[in-house]
Amino acid sequence: LTFTLLLPASGLRHDDLRSWLRAGPLPDDAAWLSGPLSAAH
């Protein structure tokens, strides 16, 4: 639960923590994102 939910969710409340998680090997919110939008959207 910590590595798949709490740790990635903590990055949603703190921008600096989110950037640090995305740059490192720890789980981040990228697992929940569908990726960049198409140019039309």
PDB file of all heavy atoms in Angstrom:
ATOM      1  N   LEU A   1       0.816  -1.206   0.000  1.00  0.00           N
ATOM      2  CA  LEU A   1       0.000   0.000   0.000  1.00  0.00           C
ATOM      3  C   LEU A   1       0.854   1.261   0.000  1.00  0.00           C
ATOM      4  O   LEU A   1       0.537   2.257  -0.655  1.00  0.00           O
ATOM      5  CB  LEU A   1      -0.931   0.000   1.214  1.00  0.00           C
ATOM      6  CG  LEU A   1      -2.081  -1.020   1.190  1.00  0.00           C
ATOM      7  CD1 LEU A   1      -2.860  -0.960   2.492  1.00  0.00           C
ATOM      8  CD2 LEU A   1      -2.985  -0.769  -0.001  1.00  0.00           C
ATOM      9  N   THR A   2       1.953   1.225   0.742  1.00  0.00           N
ATOM     10  CA  THR A   2       2.825   2.397   0.814  1.00  0.00           C
ATOM     11  C   THR A   2       3.455   2.710  -0.531  1.00  0.00           C
ATOM     12  O   THR A   2       3.461   3.868  -0.987  1.00  0.00           O
ATOM     13  CB  THR A   2       3.917   2.180   1.861  1.00  0.00           C
ATOM     14  OG1 THR A   2       3.304   1.995   3.147  1.00  0.00           O
ATOM     15  CG2 THR A   2       4.864   3.366   1.930  1.00  0.00           C
ATOM     16  N   PHE A   3       3.973   1.676  -1.207  1.00  0.00           N
ATOM     17  CA  PHE A   3       4.705   1.912  -2.444  1.00  0.00           C
ATOM     18  C   PHE A   3       3.800   2.065  -3.657  1.00  0.00           C
ATOM     19  O   PHE A   3       4.224   2.633  -4.664  1.00  0.00           O
ATOM     20  CB  PHE A   3       5.705   0.766  -2.688  1.00  0.00           C
ATOM     21  CG  PHE A   3       6.966   0.904  -1.892  1.00  0.00           C
ATOM     22  CD1 PHE A   3       7.087   0.326  -0.644  1.00  0.00           C
ATOM     23  CD2 PHE A   3       8.038   1.628  -2.391  1.00  0.00           C
ATOM     24  CE1 PHE A   3       8.243   0.451   0.099  1.00  0.00           C
ATOM     25  CE2 PHE A   3       9.212   1.763  -1.664  1.00  0.00           C
ATOM     26  CZ  PHE A   3       9.313   1.176  -0.406  1.00  0.00           C
ATOM     27  N   THR A   4       2.583   1.563  -3.589  1.00  0.00           N
ATOM     28  CA  THR A   4       1.707   1.656  -4.761  1.00  0.00           C
ATOM     29  C   THR A   4       0.611   2.689  -4.617  1.00  0.00           C
ATOM     30  O   THR A   4      -0.019   3.043  -5.620  1.00  0.00           O
ATOM     31  CB  THR A   4       1.045   0.288  -5.051  1.00  0.00           C
ATOM     32  OG1 THR A   4       0.247  -0.099  -3.910  1.00  0.00           O
ATOM     33  CG2 THR A   4       2.099  -0.767  -5.316  1.00  0.00           C
ATOM     34  N   LEU A   5       0.376   3.186  -3.386  1.00  0.00           N
ATOM     35  CA  LEU A   5      -0.710   4.152  -3.208  1.00  0.00           C
ATOM     36  C   LEU A   5      -0.263   5.389  -2.447  1.00  0.00           C
ATOM     37  O   LEU A   5      -0.338   6.514  -2.961  1.00  0.00           O
ATOM     38  CB  LEU A   5      -1.883   3.487  -2.483  1.00  0.00           C
ATOM     39  CG  LEU A   5      -3.101   4.381  -2.227  1.00  0.00           C
ATOM     40  CD1 LEU A   5      -3.692   4.858  -3.539  1.00  0.00           C
ATOM     41  CD2 LEU A   5      -4.153   3.636  -1.400  1.00  0.00           C
ATOM     42  N   LEU A   6       0.217   5.211  -1.216  1.00  0.00           N
ATOM     43  CA  LEU A   6       0.514   6.371  -0.370  1.00  0.00           C
ATOM     44  C   LEU A   6       1.673   7.198  -0.915  1.00  0.00           C
ATOM     45  O   LEU A   6       1.610   8.427  -0.959  1.00  0.00           O
ATOM     46  CB  LEU A   6       0.815   5.894   1.057  1.00  0.00           C
ATOM     47  CG  LEU A   6      -0.323   5.164   1.770  1.00  0.00           C
ATOM     48  CD1 LEU A   6       0.101   4.765   3.168  1.00  0.00           C
ATOM     49  CD2 LEU A   6      -1.571   6.041   1.822  1.00  0.00           C
ATOM     50  N   LEU A   7       2.745   6.530  -1.311  1.00  0.00           N
ATOM     51  CA  LEU A   7       3.914   7.274  -1.795  1.00  0.00           C
ATOM     52  C   LEU A   7       3.607   8.028  -3.095  1.00  0.00           C
ATOM     53  O   LEU A   7       3.903   9.230  -3.194  1.00  0.00           O
ATOM     54  CB  LEU A   7       5.093   6.329  -1.968  1.00  0.00           C
ATOM     55  CG  LEU A   7       6.436   6.973  -2.312  1.00  0.00           C
ATOM     56  CD1 LEU A   7       6.857   7.940  -1.215  1.00  0.00           C
ATOM     57  CD2 LEU A   7       7.516   5.911  -2.506  1.00  0.00           C
ATOM     58  N   PRO A   8       3.013   7.388  -4.113  1.00  0.00           N
ATOM     59  CA  PRO A   8       2.672   8.177  -5.312  1.00  0.00           C
ATOM     60  C   PRO A   8       1.667   9.284  -5.023  1.00  0.00           C
ATOM     61  O   PRO A   8       1.761  10.380  -5.586  1.00  0.00           O
ATOM     62  CB  PRO A   8       2.080   7.126  -6.264  1.00  0.00           C
ATOM     63  CG  PRO A   8       2.629   5.825  -5.790  1.00  0.00           C
ATOM     64  CD  PRO A   8       2.754   5.948  -4.305  1.00  0.00           C
ATOM     65  N   ALA A   9       0.692   9.009  -4.118  1.00  0.00           N
ATOM     66  CA  ALA A   9      -0.319  10.031  -3.823  1.00  0.00           C
ATOM     67  C   ALA A   9       0.266  11.217  -3.086  1.00  0.00           C
ATOM     68  O   ALA A   9      -0.235  12.343  -3.197  1.00  0.00           O
ATOM     69  CB  ALA A   9      -1.449   9.418  -2.997  1.00  0.00           C
ATOM     70  N   SER A  10       1.335  11.018  -2.331  1.00  0.00           N
ATOM     71  CA  SER A  10       1.942  12.134  -1.607  1.00  0.00           C
ATOM     72  C   SER A  10       2.498  13.183  -2.564  1.00  0.00           C
ATOM     73  O   SER A  10       2.582  14.373  -2.224  1.00  0.00           O
ATOM     74  CB  SER A  10       3.048  11.612  -0.687  1.00  0.00           C
ATOM     75  OG  SER A  10       4.108  11.021  -1.440  1.00  0.00           O
ATOM     76  N   GLY A  11       2.861  12.761  -3.767  1.00  0.00           N
ATOM     77  CA  GLY A  11       3.357  13.727  -4.738  1.00  0.00           C
ATOM     78  C   GLY A  11       2.294  14.650  -5.270  1.00  0.00           C
ATOM     79  O   GLY A  11       2.602  15.716  -5.829  1.00  0.00           O
ATOM     80  N   LEU A  12       1.011  14.282  -5.105  1.00  0.00           N
ATOM     81  CA  LEU A  12      -0.068  15.149  -5.577  1.00  0.00           C
ATOM     82  C   LEU A  12      -0.254  16.377  -4.693  1.00  0.00           C
ATOM     83  O   LEU A  12      -0.806  17.382  -5.131  1.00  0.00           O
ATOM     84  CB  LEU A  12      -1.378  14.346  -5.639  1.00  0.00           C
ATOM     85  CG  LEU A  12      -1.376  13.116  -6.556  1.00  0.00           C
ATOM     86  CD1 LEU A  12      -2.714  12.403  -6.480  1.00  0.00           C
ATOM     87  CD2 LEU A  12      -1.061  13.521  -7.990  1.00  0.00           C
ATOM     88  N   ARG A  13       0.221  16.301  -3.473  1.00  0.00           N
ATOM     89  CA  ARG A  13       0.062  17.417  -2.533  1.00  0.00           C
ATOM     90  C   ARG A  13       1.267  18.347  -2.517  1.00  0.00           C
ATOM     91  O   ARG A  13       1.165  19.475  -2.050  1.00  0.00           O
ATOM     92  CB  ARG A  13      -0.199  16.878  -1.126  1.00  0.00           C
ATOM     93  CG  ARG A  13      -1.461  16.029  -1.028  1.00  0.00           C
ATOM     94  CD  ARG A  13      -1.669  15.523   0.385  1.00  0.00           C
ATOM     95  NE  ARG A  13      -1.787  16.629   1.335  1.00  0.00           N
ATOM     96  CZ  ARG A  13      -2.933  17.219   1.644  1.00  0.00           C
ATOM     97  NH1 ARG A  13      -4.058  16.823   1.057  1.00  0.00           N
ATOM     98  NH2 ARG A  13      -2.973  18.211   2.521  1.00  0.00           N
ATOM     99  N   HIS A  14       2.389  17.853  -2.985  1.00  0.00           N
ATOM    100  CA  HIS A  14       3.613  18.662  -2.956  1.00  0.00           C
ATOM    101  C   HIS A  14       4.286  18.573  -4.326  1.00  0.00           C
ATOM    102  O   HIS A  14       4.702  17.488  -4.745  1.00  0.00           O
ATOM    103  CB  HIS A  14       4.568  18.167  -1.865  1.00  0.00           C
ATOM    104  CG  HIS A  14       3.945  18.135  -0.504  1.00  0.00           C
ATOM    105  ND1 HIS A  14       3.767  19.264   0.273  1.00  0.00           N
ATOM    106  CD2 HIS A  14       3.443  17.100   0.222  1.00  0.00           C
ATOM    107  CE1 HIS A  14       3.195  18.933   1.416  1.00  0.00           C
ATOM    108  NE2 HIS A  14       2.989  17.622   1.412  1.00  0.00           N
ATOM    109  N   ASP A  15       4.392  19.705  -4.994  1.00  0.00           N
ATOM    110  CA  ASP A  15       4.966  19.713  -6.333  1.00  0.00           C
ATOM    111  C   ASP A  15       6.417  19.266  -6.329  1.00  0.00           C
ATOM    112  O   ASP A  15       6.859  18.537  -7.233  1.00  0.00           O
ATOM    113  CB  ASP A  15       4.855  21.115  -6.940  1.00  0.00           C
ATOM    114  CG  ASP A  15       3.401  21.515  -7.181  1.00  0.00           C
ATOM    115  OD1 ASP A  15       2.553  20.603  -7.237  1.00  0.00           O
ATOM    116  OD2 ASP A  15       3.130  22.731  -7.299  1.00  0.00           O
ATOM    117  N   ASP A  16       7.191  19.718  -5.337  1.00  0.00           N
ATOM    118  CA  ASP A  16       8.607  19.350  -5.291  1.00  0.00           C
ATOM    119  C   ASP A  16       8.767  17.844  -5.094  1.00  0.00           C
ATOM    120  O   ASP A  16       9.627  17.210  -5.719  1.00  0.00           O
ATOM    121  CB  ASP A  16       9.308  20.103  -4.157  1.00  0.00           C
ATOM    122  CG  ASP A  16       9.383  21.598  -4.417  1.00  0.00           C
ATOM    123  OD1 ASP A  16       9.243  21.993  -5.595  1.00  0.00           O
ATOM    124  OD2 ASP A  16       9.572  22.360  -3.449  1.00  0.00           O
ATOM    125  N   LEU A  17       7.930  17.275  -4.220  1.00  0.00           N
ATOM    126  CA  LEU A  17       8.003  15.835  -3.997  1.00  0.00           C
ATOM    127  C   LEU A  17       7.593  15.069  -5.246  1.00  0.00           C
ATOM    128  O   LEU A  17       8.200  14.040  -5.580  1.00  0.00           O
ATOM    129  CB  LEU A  17       7.116  15.446  -2.814  1.00  0.00           C
ATOM    130  CG  LEU A  17       7.071  13.952  -2.456  1.00  0.00           C
ATOM    131  CD1 LEU A  17       8.460  13.438  -2.131  1.00  0.00           C
ATOM    132  CD2 LEU A  17       6.119  13.711  -1.294  1.00  0.00           C
ATOM    133  N   ARG A  18       6.587  15.563  -5.967  1.00  0.00           N
ATOM    134  CA  ARG A  18       6.156  14.898  -7.188  1.00  0.00           C
ATOM    135  C   ARG A  18       7.274  14.891  -8.223  1.00  0.00           C
ATOM    136  O   ARG A  18       7.534  13.873  -8.883  1.00  0.00           O
ATOM    137  CB  ARG A  18       4.914  15.577  -7.751  1.00  0.00           C
ATOM    138  CG  ARG A  18       4.407  14.912  -9.035  1.00  0.00           C
ATOM    139  CD  ARG A  18       3.049  15.433  -9.468  1.00  0.00           C
ATOM    140  NE  ARG A  18       3.081  16.848  -9.822  1.00  0.00           N
ATOM    141  CZ  ARG A  18       2.492  17.811  -9.117  1.00  0.00           C
ATOM    142  NH1 ARG A  18       1.811  17.496  -8.018  1.00  0.00           N
ATOM    143  NH2 ARG A  18       2.564  19.075  -9.483  1.00  0.00           N
ATOM    144  N   SER A  19       7.954  16.023  -8.361  1.00  0.00           N
ATOM    145  CA  SER A  19       9.057  16.095  -9.324  1.00  0.00           C
ATOM    146  C   SER A  19      10.191  15.166  -8.928  1.00  0.00           C
ATOM    147  O   SER A  19      10.810  14.514  -9.783  1.00  0.00           O
ATOM    148  CB  SER A  19       9.566  17.543  -9.420  1.00  0.00           C
ATOM    149  OG  SER A  19       8.523  18.410  -9.828  1.00  0.00           O
ATOM    150  N   TRP A  20      10.446  15.087  -7.606  1.00  0.00           N
ATOM    151  CA  TRP A  20      11.533  14.214  -7.132  1.00  0.00           C
ATOM    152  C   TRP A  20      11.187  12.744  -7.364  1.00  0.00           C
ATOM    153  O   TRP A  20      12.042  11.949  -7.770  1.00  0.00           O
ATOM    154  CB  TRP A  20      11.759  14.477  -5.649  1.00  0.00           C
ATOM    155  CG  TRP A  20      12.862  13.642  -5.061  1.00  0.00           C
ATOM    156  CD1 TRP A  20      14.201  13.839  -5.177  1.00  0.00           C
ATOM    157  CD2 TRP A  20      12.690  12.477  -4.260  1.00  0.00           C
ATOM    158  NE1 TRP A  20      14.897  12.867  -4.492  1.00  0.00           N
ATOM    159  CE2 TRP A  20      13.989  12.007  -3.921  1.00  0.00           C
ATOM    160  CE3 TRP A  20      11.581  11.774  -3.789  1.00  0.00           C
ATOM    161  CZ2 TRP A  20      14.189  10.882  -3.147  1.00  0.00           C
ATOM    162  CZ3 TRP A  20      11.779  10.655  -3.020  1.00  0.00           C
ATOM    163  CH2 TRP A  20      13.067  10.204  -2.692  1.00  0.00           C
ATOM    164  N   LEU A  21       9.919  12.363  -7.129  1.00  0.00           N
ATOM    165  CA  LEU A  21       9.509  10.974  -7.360  1.00  0.00           C
ATOM    166  C   LEU A  21       9.574  10.609  -8.837  1.00  0.00           C
ATOM    167  O   LEU A  21      10.015   9.509  -9.200  1.00  0.00           O
ATOM    168  CB  LEU A  21       8.084  10.758  -6.832  1.00  0.00           C
ATOM    169  CG  LEU A  21       7.904  10.748  -5.316  1.00  0.00           C
ATOM    170  CD1 LEU A  21       6.431  10.683  -4.955  1.00  0.00           C
ATOM    171  CD2 LEU A  21       8.654   9.585  -4.686  1.00  0.00           C
ATOM    172  N   ARG A  22       9.140  11.540  -9.694  1.00  0.00           N
ATOM    173  CA  ARG A  22       9.161  11.249 -11.120  1.00  0.00           C
ATOM    174  C   ARG A  22      10.579  11.113 -11.654  1.00  0.00           C
ATOM    175  O   ARG A  22      10.813  10.388 -12.626  1.00  0.00           O
ATOM    176  CB  ARG A  22       8.430  12.351 -11.886  1.00  0.00           C
ATOM    177  CG  ARG A  22       6.922  12.351 -11.676  1.00  0.00           C
ATOM    178  CD  ARG A  22       6.245  13.456 -12.456  1.00  0.00           C
ATOM    179  NE  ARG A  22       4.790  13.403 -12.320  1.00  0.00           N
ATOM    180  CZ  ARG A  22       3.950  14.251 -12.895  1.00  0.00           C
ATOM    181  NH1 ARG A  22       4.435  15.239 -13.655  1.00  0.00           N
ATOM    182  NH2 ARG A  22       2.649  14.141 -12.723  1.00  0.00           N
ATOM    183  N   ALA A  23      11.523  11.792 -11.029  1.00  0.00           N
ATOM    184  CA  ALA A  23      12.911  11.736 -11.501  1.00  0.00           C
ATOM    185  C   ALA A  23      13.671  10.537 -10.947  1.00  0.00           C
ATOM    186  O   ALA A  23      14.737  10.192 -11.466  1.00  0.00           O
ATOM    187  CB  ALA A  23      13.647  13.019 -11.120  1.00  0.00           C
ATOM    188  N   GLY A  24      13.148   9.894  -9.897  1.00  0.00           N
ATOM    189  CA  GLY A  24      13.860   8.801  -9.258  1.00  0.00           C
ATOM    190  C   GLY A  24      13.261   7.441  -9.560  1.00  0.00           C
ATOM    191  O   GLY A  24      12.312   7.302 -10.332  1.00  0.00           O
ATOM    192  N   PRO A  25      13.807   6.403  -8.931  1.00  0.00           N
ATOM    193  CA  PRO A  25      13.338   5.033  -9.202  1.00  0.00           C
ATOM    194  C   PRO A  25      12.092   4.638  -8.414  1.00  0.00           C
ATOM    195  O   PRO A  25      11.519   3.582  -8.668  1.00  0.00           O
ATOM    196  CB  PRO A  25      14.537   4.179  -8.761  1.00  0.00           C
ATOM    197  CG  PRO A  25      15.178   4.979  -7.653  1.00  0.00           C
ATOM    198  CD  PRO A  25      14.976   6.436  -8.041  1.00  0.00           C
ATOM    199  N   LEU A  26      11.661   5.461  -7.449  1.00  0.00           N
ATOM    200  CA  LEU A  26      10.500   5.119  -6.626  1.00  0.00           C
ATOM    201  C   LEU A  26       9.199   5.278  -7.416  1.00  0.00           C
ATOM    202  O   LEU A  26       9.146   6.030  -8.383  1.00  0.00           O
ATOM    203  CB  LEU A  26      10.470   5.997  -5.374  1.00  0.00           C
ATOM    204  CG  LEU A  26      11.616   5.783  -4.376  1.00  0.00           C
ATOM    205  CD1 LEU A  26      11.523   6.794  -3.244  1.00  0.00           C
ATOM    206  CD2 LEU A  26      11.601   4.362  -3.824  1.00  0.00           C
ATOM    207  N   PRO A  27       8.146   4.571  -7.013  1.00  0.00           N
ATOM    208  CA  PRO A  27       6.855   4.712  -7.716  1.00  0.00           C
ATOM    209  C   PRO A  27       6.321   6.131  -7.619  1.00  0.00           C
ATOM    210  O   PRO A  27       6.450   6.795  -6.590  1.00  0.00           O
ATOM    211  CB  PRO A  27       5.946   3.724  -6.966  1.00  0.00           C
ATOM    212  CG  PRO A  27       6.858   2.778  -6.266  1.00  0.00           C
ATOM    213  CD  PRO A  27       8.090   3.557  -5.939  1.00  0.00           C
ATOM    214  N   ASP A  28       5.727   6.610  -8.700  1.00  0.00           N
ATOM    215  CA  ASP A  28       5.143   7.948  -8.715  1.00  0.00           C
ATOM    216  C   ASP A  28       3.774   7.890  -9.395  1.00  0.00           C
ATOM    217  O   ASP A  28       3.282   6.810  -9.731  1.00  0.00           O
ATOM    218  CB  ASP A  28       6.073   8.945  -9.428  1.00  0.00           C
ATOM    219  CG  ASP A  28       6.409   8.491 -10.829  1.00  0.00           C
ATOM    220  OD1 ASP A  28       5.488   8.401 -11.652  1.00  0.00           O
ATOM    221  OD2 ASP A  28       7.595   8.205 -11.105  1.00  0.00           O
ATOM    222  N   ASP A  29       3.164   9.053  -9.583  1.00  0.00           N
ATOM    223  CA  ASP A  29       1.818   9.085 -10.137  1.00  0.00           C
ATOM    224  C   ASP A  29       1.772   8.785 -11.628  1.00  0.00           C
ATOM    225  O   ASP A  29       0.692   8.791 -12.234  1.00  0.00           O
ATOM    226  CB  ASP A  29       1.176  10.443  -9.870  1.00  0.00           C
ATOM    227  CG  ASP A  29       1.979  11.583 -10.498  1.00  0.00           C
ATOM    228  OD1 ASP A  29       3.158  11.374 -10.830  1.00  0.00           O
ATOM    229  OD2 ASP A  29       1.414  12.679 -10.644  1.00  0.00           O
ATOM    230  N   ALA A  30       2.913   8.515 -12.246  1.00  0.00           N
ATOM    231  CA  ALA A  30       2.923   8.184 -13.677  1.00  0.00           C
ATOM    232  C   ALA A  30       2.130   6.911 -13.952  1.00  0.00           C
ATOM    233  O   ALA A  30       1.620   6.715 -15.055  1.00  0.00           O
ATOM    234  CB  ALA A  30       4.357   8.036 -14.178  1.00  0.00           C
ATOM    235  N   ALA A  31       2.034   6.025 -12.936  1.00  0.00           N
ATOM    236  CA  ALA A  31       1.270   4.790 -13.121  1.00  0.00           C
ATOM    237  C   ALA A  31      -0.203   5.055 -13.297  1.00  0.00           C
ATOM    238  O   ALA A  31      -0.941   4.204 -13.805  1.00  0.00           O
ATOM    239  CB  ALA A  31       1.510   3.859 -11.931  1.00  0.00           C
ATOM    240  N   TRP A  32      -0.668   6.219 -12.859  1.00  0.00           N
ATOM    241  CA  TRP A  32      -2.095   6.547 -12.958  1.00  0.00           C
ATOM    242  C   TRP A  32      -2.409   7.406 -14.177  1.00  0.00           C
ATOM    243  O   TRP A  32      -3.571   7.593 -14.505  1.00  0.00           O
ATOM    244  CB  TRP A  32      -2.556   7.306 -11.713  1.00  0.00           C
ATOM    245  CG  TRP A  32      -2.224   6.608 -10.432  1.00  0.00           C
ATOM    246  CD1 TRP A  32      -2.018   5.282 -10.256  1.00  0.00           C
ATOM    247  CD2 TRP A  32      -2.054   7.215  -9.151  1.00  0.00           C
ATOM    248  NE1 TRP A  32      -1.732   4.999  -8.944  1.00  0.00           N
ATOM    249  CE2 TRP A  32      -1.752   6.168  -8.236  1.00  0.00           C
ATOM    250  CE3 TRP A  32      -2.132   8.516  -8.683  1.00  0.00           C
ATOM    251  CZ2 TRP A  32      -1.526   6.404  -6.885  1.00  0.00           C
ATOM    252  CZ3 TRP A  32      -1.913   8.748  -7.335  1.00  0.00           C
ATOM    253  CH2 TRP A  32      -1.610   7.705  -6.441  1.00  0.00           C
ATOM    254  N   LEU A  33      -1.386   7.975 -14.818  1.00  0.00           N
ATOM    255  CA  LEU A  33      -1.606   8.920 -15.914  1.00  0.00           C
ATOM    256  C   LEU A  33      -1.672   8.188 -17.245  1.00  0.00           C
ATOM    257  O   LEU A  33      -0.962   7.202 -17.468  1.00  0.00           O
ATOM    258  CB  LEU A  33      -0.482   9.957 -15.938  1.00  0.00           C
ATOM    259  CG  LEU A  33      -0.320  10.785 -14.651  1.00  0.00           C
ATOM    260  CD1 LEU A  33       0.852  11.739 -14.804  1.00  0.00           C
ATOM    261  CD2 LEU A  33      -1.600  11.540 -14.330  1.00  0.00           C
ATOM    262  N   SER A  34      -2.506   8.667 -18.115  1.00  0.00           N
ATOM    263  CA  SER A  34      -2.654   8.046 -19.429  1.00  0.00           C
ATOM    264  C   SER A  34      -1.650   8.550 -20.443  1.00  0.00           C
ATOM    265  O   SER A  34      -1.617   8.064 -21.574  1.00  0.00           O
ATOM    266  CB  SER A  34      -4.070   8.311 -19.958  1.00  0.00           C
ATOM    267  OG  SER A  34      -4.317   9.711 -20.051  1.00  0.00           O
ATOM    268  N   GLY A  35      -0.852   9.531 -20.070  1.00  0.00           N
ATOM    269  CA  GLY A  35       0.125  10.080 -20.993  1.00  0.00           C
ATOM    270  C   GLY A  35      -0.299  11.435 -21.530  1.00  0.00           C
ATOM    271  O   GLY A  35      -1.369  11.963 -21.192  1.00  0.00           O
ATOM    272  N   PRO A  36       0.506  12.046 -22.372  1.00  0.00           N
ATOM    273  CA  PRO A  36       0.185  13.391 -22.885  1.00  0.00           C
ATOM    274  C   PRO A  36      -1.034  13.365 -23.803  1.00  0.00           C
ATOM    275  O   PRO A  36      -1.323  12.366 -24.467  1.00  0.00           O
ATOM    276  CB  PRO A  36       1.454  13.778 -23.648  1.00  0.00           C
ATOM    277  CG  PRO A  36       2.097  12.474 -24.009  1.00  0.00           C
ATOM    278  CD  PRO A  36       1.796  11.542 -22.886  1.00  0.00           C
ATOM    279  N   LEU A  37      -1.771  14.485 -23.829  1.00  0.00           N
ATOM    280  CA  LEU A  37      -2.925  14.628 -24.712  1.00  0.00           C
ATOM    281  C   LEU A  37      -2.479  14.774 -26.157  1.00  0.00           C
ATOM    282  O   LEU A  37      -1.362  15.211 -26.443  1.00  0.00           O
ATOM    283  CB  LEU A  37      -3.758  15.836 -24.302  1.00  0.00           C
ATOM    284  CG  LEU A  37      -4.536  15.741 -22.984  1.00  0.00           C
ATOM    285  CD1 LEU A  37      -5.168  17.083 -22.673  1.00  0.00           C
ATOM    286  CD2 LEU A  37      -5.588  14.647 -23.049  1.00  0.00           C
ATOM    287  N   SER A  38      -3.359  14.398 -27.049  1.00  0.00           N
ATOM    288  CA  SER A  38      -3.069  14.615 -28.466  1.00  0.00           C
ATOM    289  C   SER A  38      -3.098  16.115 -28.756  1.00  0.00           C
ATOM    290  O   SER A  38      -3.662  16.916 -27.997  1.00  0.00           O
ATOM    291  CB  SER A  38      -4.100  13.888 -29.333  1.00  0.00           C
ATOM    292  OG  SER A  38      -5.389  14.425 -29.119  1.00  0.00           O
ATOM    293  N   ALA A  39      -2.486  16.496 -29.867  1.00  0.00           N
ATOM    294  CA  ALA A  39      -2.424  17.919 -30.222  1.00  0.00           C
ATOM    295  C   ALA A  39      -3.811  18.520 -30.398  1.00  0.00           C
ATOM    296  O   ALA A  39      -4.049  19.692 -30.086  1.00  0.00           O
ATOM    297  CB  ALA A  39      -1.598  18.083 -31.505  1.00  0.00           C
ATOM    298  N   ALA A  40      -4.784  17.701 -30.895  1.00  0.00           N
ATOM    299  CA  ALA A  40      -6.126  18.223 -31.118  1.00  0.00           C
ATOM    300  C   ALA A  40      -6.827  18.581 -29.822  1.00  0.00           C
ATOM    301  O   ALA A  40      -7.732  19.423 -29.807  1.00  0.00           O
ATOM    302  CB  ALA A  40      -6.959  17.191 -31.889  1.00  0.00           C
ATOM    303  N   HIS A  41      -6.434  17.966 -28.715  1.00  0.00           N
ATOM    304  CA  HIS A  41      -7.059  18.226 -27.419  1.00  0.00           C
ATOM    305  C   HIS A  41      -6.184  19.090 -26.515  1.00  0.00           C
ATOM    306  O   HIS A  41      -6.450  19.206 -25.320  1.00  0.00           O
ATOM    307  CB  HIS A  41      -7.364  16.912 -26.702  1.00  0.00           C
ATOM    308  CG  HIS A  41      -8.432  16.105 -27.363  1.00  0.00           C
ATOM    309  ND1 HIS A  41      -8.463  14.728 -27.304  1.00  0.00           N
ATOM    310  CD2 HIS A  41      -9.502  16.479 -28.120  1.00  0.00           C
ATOM    311  CE1 HIS A  41      -9.516  14.282 -27.976  1.00  0.00           C
ATOM    312  NE2 HIS A  41     -10.169  15.327 -28.478  1.00  0.00           N
TER     313      HIS A  41
END
